[in-house]
Amino acid sequence: MKEKGVLAAWRKSVLTGSRGKVLDITYYLTASPEFVKEVKAANKRQAEIAAAALCKTLPRSEFYKS
């Protein structure tokens, strides 16, 4: 994922018990700025498409109600 520009960084935290047994592993992922920009643009496009579809499905009188 890092090679494709999705992740900027990652970190692993391992929680071990008293005898060295692994109890839990937590991964911390940081998205790259380019990926964040792409996701925000895609969300904006999706919202615009949904709004346009809503405009086409509502009767004209629904649009101009106060």
N, C-alpha and C. Protein backbone atom coordinates (compact mmCIF):
# COMPACT_ATOMS: atom_id res chain seq x y z
N MET A 1 0.82 -1.19 0.00
CA MET A 1 0.00 0.00 0.00
C MET A 1 0.87 1.26 0.00
N LYS A 2 2.00 1.16 0.62
CA LYS A 2 2.89 2.30 0.66
C LYS A 2 3.46 2.60 -0.72
N GLU A 3 3.74 1.55 -1.49
CA GLU A 3 4.29 1.72 -2.83
C GLU A 3 3.28 2.38 -3.77
N LYS A 4 1.99 2.15 -3.53
CA LYS A 4 0.95 2.71 -4.38
C LYS A 4 0.54 4.11 -3.96
N GLY A 5 1.12 4.64 -2.90
CA GLY A 5 0.83 6.00 -2.47
C GLY A 5 -0.38 6.15 -1.57
N VAL A 6 -0.87 5.05 -1.02
CA VAL A 6 -2.03 5.11 -0.14
C VAL A 6 -1.60 5.44 1.29
N LEU A 7 -0.54 4.80 1.75
CA LEU A 7 -0.07 5.02 3.11
C LEU A 7 1.16 5.92 3.13
N ALA A 8 1.18 6.83 4.10
CA ALA A 8 2.36 7.66 4.30
C ALA A 8 3.29 6.96 5.31
N ALA A 9 2.68 6.33 6.32
CA ALA A 9 3.47 5.66 7.35
C ALA A 9 2.60 4.63 8.07
N TRP A 10 3.25 3.70 8.74
CA TRP A 10 2.55 2.75 9.57
C TRP A 10 3.44 2.39 10.76
N ARG A 11 2.79 1.98 11.85
CA ARG A 11 3.51 1.62 13.06
C ARG A 11 2.76 0.47 13.72
N LYS A 12 3.52 -0.44 14.32
CA LYS A 12 2.93 -1.60 14.99
C LYS A 12 3.28 -1.56 16.47
N SER A 13 2.28 -1.79 17.32
CA SER A 13 2.49 -1.83 18.76
C SER A 13 2.07 -3.22 19.26
N VAL A 14 3.00 -3.92 19.89
CA VAL A 14 2.74 -5.28 20.36
C VAL A 14 2.62 -5.26 21.88
N LEU A 15 1.52 -5.81 22.38
CA LEU A 15 1.30 -5.94 23.83
C LEU A 15 1.56 -7.39 24.20
N THR A 16 2.54 -7.60 25.08
CA THR A 16 2.88 -8.96 25.50
C THR A 16 2.56 -9.17 26.97
N GLY A 17 2.30 -10.42 27.30
CA GLY A 17 1.99 -10.79 28.67
C GLY A 17 3.26 -11.02 29.48
N SER A 18 3.08 -11.55 30.67
CA SER A 18 4.20 -11.73 31.60
C SER A 18 5.23 -12.74 31.11
N ARG A 19 4.83 -13.72 30.33
CA ARG A 19 5.79 -14.72 29.84
C ARG A 19 6.13 -14.53 28.36
N GLY A 20 5.92 -13.32 27.86
CA GLY A 20 6.27 -13.03 26.48
C GLY A 20 5.21 -13.43 25.46
N LYS A 21 4.06 -13.86 25.95
CA LYS A 21 2.97 -14.25 25.06
C LYS A 21 2.34 -12.99 24.46
N VAL A 22 2.13 -12.99 23.17
CA VAL A 22 1.51 -11.85 22.50
C VAL A 22 0.02 -11.82 22.84
N LEU A 23 -0.41 -10.72 23.46
CA LEU A 23 -1.81 -10.57 23.84
C LEU A 23 -2.59 -9.77 22.81
N ASP A 24 -1.94 -8.76 22.24
CA ASP A 24 -2.62 -7.90 21.28
C ASP A 24 -1.60 -7.20 20.39
N ILE A 25 -2.00 -6.93 19.16
CA ILE A 25 -1.19 -6.15 18.23
C ILE A 25 -2.07 -5.05 17.67
N THR A 26 -1.58 -3.83 17.72
CA THR A 26 -2.31 -2.69 17.17
C THR A 26 -1.49 -2.06 16.07
N TYR A 27 -2.12 -1.85 14.93
CA TYR A 27 -1.46 -1.19 13.80
C TYR A 27 -2.01 0.22 13.69
N TYR A 28 -1.12 1.19 13.53
CA TYR A 28 -1.48 2.59 13.33
C TYR A 28 -1.12 2.95 11.89
N LEU A 29 -2.13 3.33 11.11
CA LEU A 29 -1.93 3.64 9.70
C LEU A 29 -2.17 5.12 9.46
N THR A 30 -1.29 5.75 8.69
CA THR A 30 -1.42 7.16 8.34
C THR A 30 -1.56 7.26 6.83
N ALA A 31 -2.67 7.83 6.38
CA ALA A 31 -2.92 7.96 4.95
C ALA A 31 -2.03 9.05 4.37
N SER A 32 -1.63 8.87 3.11
CA SER A 32 -0.80 9.87 2.45
C SER A 32 -1.67 11.07 2.06
N PRO A 33 -1.09 12.25 1.97
CA PRO A 33 -1.87 13.44 1.57
C PRO A 33 -2.51 13.29 0.19
N GLU A 34 -1.82 12.62 -0.73
CA GLU A 34 -2.39 12.42 -2.06
C GLU A 34 -3.65 11.56 -2.01
N PHE A 35 -3.60 10.50 -1.19
CA PHE A 35 -4.75 9.62 -1.04
C PHE A 35 -5.93 10.36 -0.41
N VAL A 36 -5.65 11.16 0.61
CA VAL A 36 -6.70 11.94 1.27
C VAL A 36 -7.35 12.89 0.26
N LYS A 37 -6.53 13.53 -0.56
CA LYS A 37 -7.04 14.46 -1.58
C LYS A 37 -7.95 13.73 -2.57
N GLU A 38 -7.54 12.54 -3.00
CA GLU A 38 -8.35 11.76 -3.93
C GLU A 38 -9.68 11.33 -3.30
N VAL A 39 -9.66 10.92 -2.06
CA VAL A 39 -10.88 10.48 -1.38
C VAL A 39 -11.85 11.65 -1.21
N LYS A 40 -11.33 12.81 -0.82
CA LYS A 40 -12.19 13.98 -0.66
C LYS A 40 -12.82 14.39 -1.99
N ALA A 41 -12.04 14.33 -3.07
CA ALA A 41 -12.57 14.67 -4.39
C ALA A 41 -13.64 13.67 -4.81
N ALA A 42 -13.42 12.39 -4.54
CA ALA A 42 -14.40 11.37 -4.89
C ALA A 42 -15.69 11.55 -4.09
N ASN A 43 -15.56 11.88 -2.81
CA ASN A 43 -16.75 12.12 -1.98
C ASN A 43 -17.53 13.33 -2.49
N LYS A 44 -16.82 14.37 -2.90
CA LYS A 44 -17.48 15.56 -3.42
C LYS A 44 -18.23 15.23 -4.72
N ARG A 45 -17.57 14.48 -5.61
CA ARG A 45 -18.23 14.07 -6.86
C ARG A 45 -19.48 13.24 -6.56
N GLN A 46 -19.37 12.33 -5.61
CA GLN A 46 -20.50 11.47 -5.26
C GLN A 46 -21.66 12.31 -4.71
N ALA A 47 -21.37 13.29 -3.88
CA ALA A 47 -22.41 14.16 -3.33
C ALA A 47 -23.07 14.97 -4.44
N GLU A 48 -22.29 15.45 -5.39
CA GLU A 48 -22.84 16.22 -6.51
C GLU A 48 -23.73 15.34 -7.38
N ILE A 49 -23.32 14.10 -7.61
CA ILE A 49 -24.12 13.17 -8.41
C ILE A 49 -25.44 12.86 -7.69
N ALA A 50 -25.37 12.64 -6.40
CA ALA A 50 -26.57 12.35 -5.62
C ALA A 50 -27.52 13.55 -5.63
N ALA A 51 -26.98 14.75 -5.51
CA ALA A 51 -27.81 15.96 -5.54
C ALA A 51 -28.45 16.14 -6.91
N ALA A 52 -27.70 15.88 -7.97
CA ALA A 52 -28.24 16.00 -9.32
C ALA A 52 -29.33 14.96 -9.56
N ALA A 53 -29.13 13.76 -9.06
CA ALA A 53 -30.14 12.71 -9.22
C ALA A 53 -31.40 13.07 -8.45
N LEU A 54 -31.26 13.66 -7.28
CA LEU A 54 -32.40 14.08 -6.49
C LEU A 54 -33.16 15.18 -7.21
N CYS A 55 -32.44 16.10 -7.82
CA CYS A 55 -33.09 17.19 -8.57
C CYS A 55 -33.90 16.65 -9.73
N LYS A 56 -33.42 15.61 -10.37
CA LYS A 56 -34.11 15.05 -11.53
C LYS A 56 -35.34 14.24 -11.13
N THR A 57 -35.34 13.69 -9.91
CA THR A 57 -36.45 12.84 -9.50
C THR A 57 -37.57 13.61 -8.83
N LEU A 58 -37.29 14.78 -8.28
CA LEU A 58 -38.33 15.57 -7.64
C LEU A 58 -39.14 16.35 -8.67
N PRO A 59 -40.43 16.46 -8.46
CA PRO A 59 -41.21 17.32 -9.34
C PRO A 59 -40.77 18.78 -9.15
N ARG A 60 -40.95 19.59 -10.16
CA ARG A 60 -40.54 20.99 -10.10
C ARG A 60 -41.16 21.72 -8.90
N SER A 61 -42.40 21.41 -8.58
CA SER A 61 -43.07 22.12 -7.48
C SER A 61 -42.37 21.87 -6.15
N GLU A 62 -41.74 20.71 -5.98
CA GLU A 62 -41.02 20.41 -4.74
C GLU A 62 -39.80 21.31 -4.59
N PHE A 63 -39.22 21.70 -5.70
CA PHE A 63 -38.02 22.53 -5.67
C PHE A 63 -38.29 23.93 -5.16
N TYR A 64 -39.42 24.45 -5.52
CA TYR A 64 -39.68 25.85 -5.26
C TYR A 64 -40.57 26.09 -4.05
N LYS A 65 -40.74 25.08 -3.22
CA LYS A 65 -41.50 25.26 -1.97
C LYS A 65 -40.64 26.04 -0.99
N SER A 66 -41.29 26.91 -0.25
CA SER A 66 -40.56 27.71 0.75
C SER A 66 -40.70 27.11 2.11
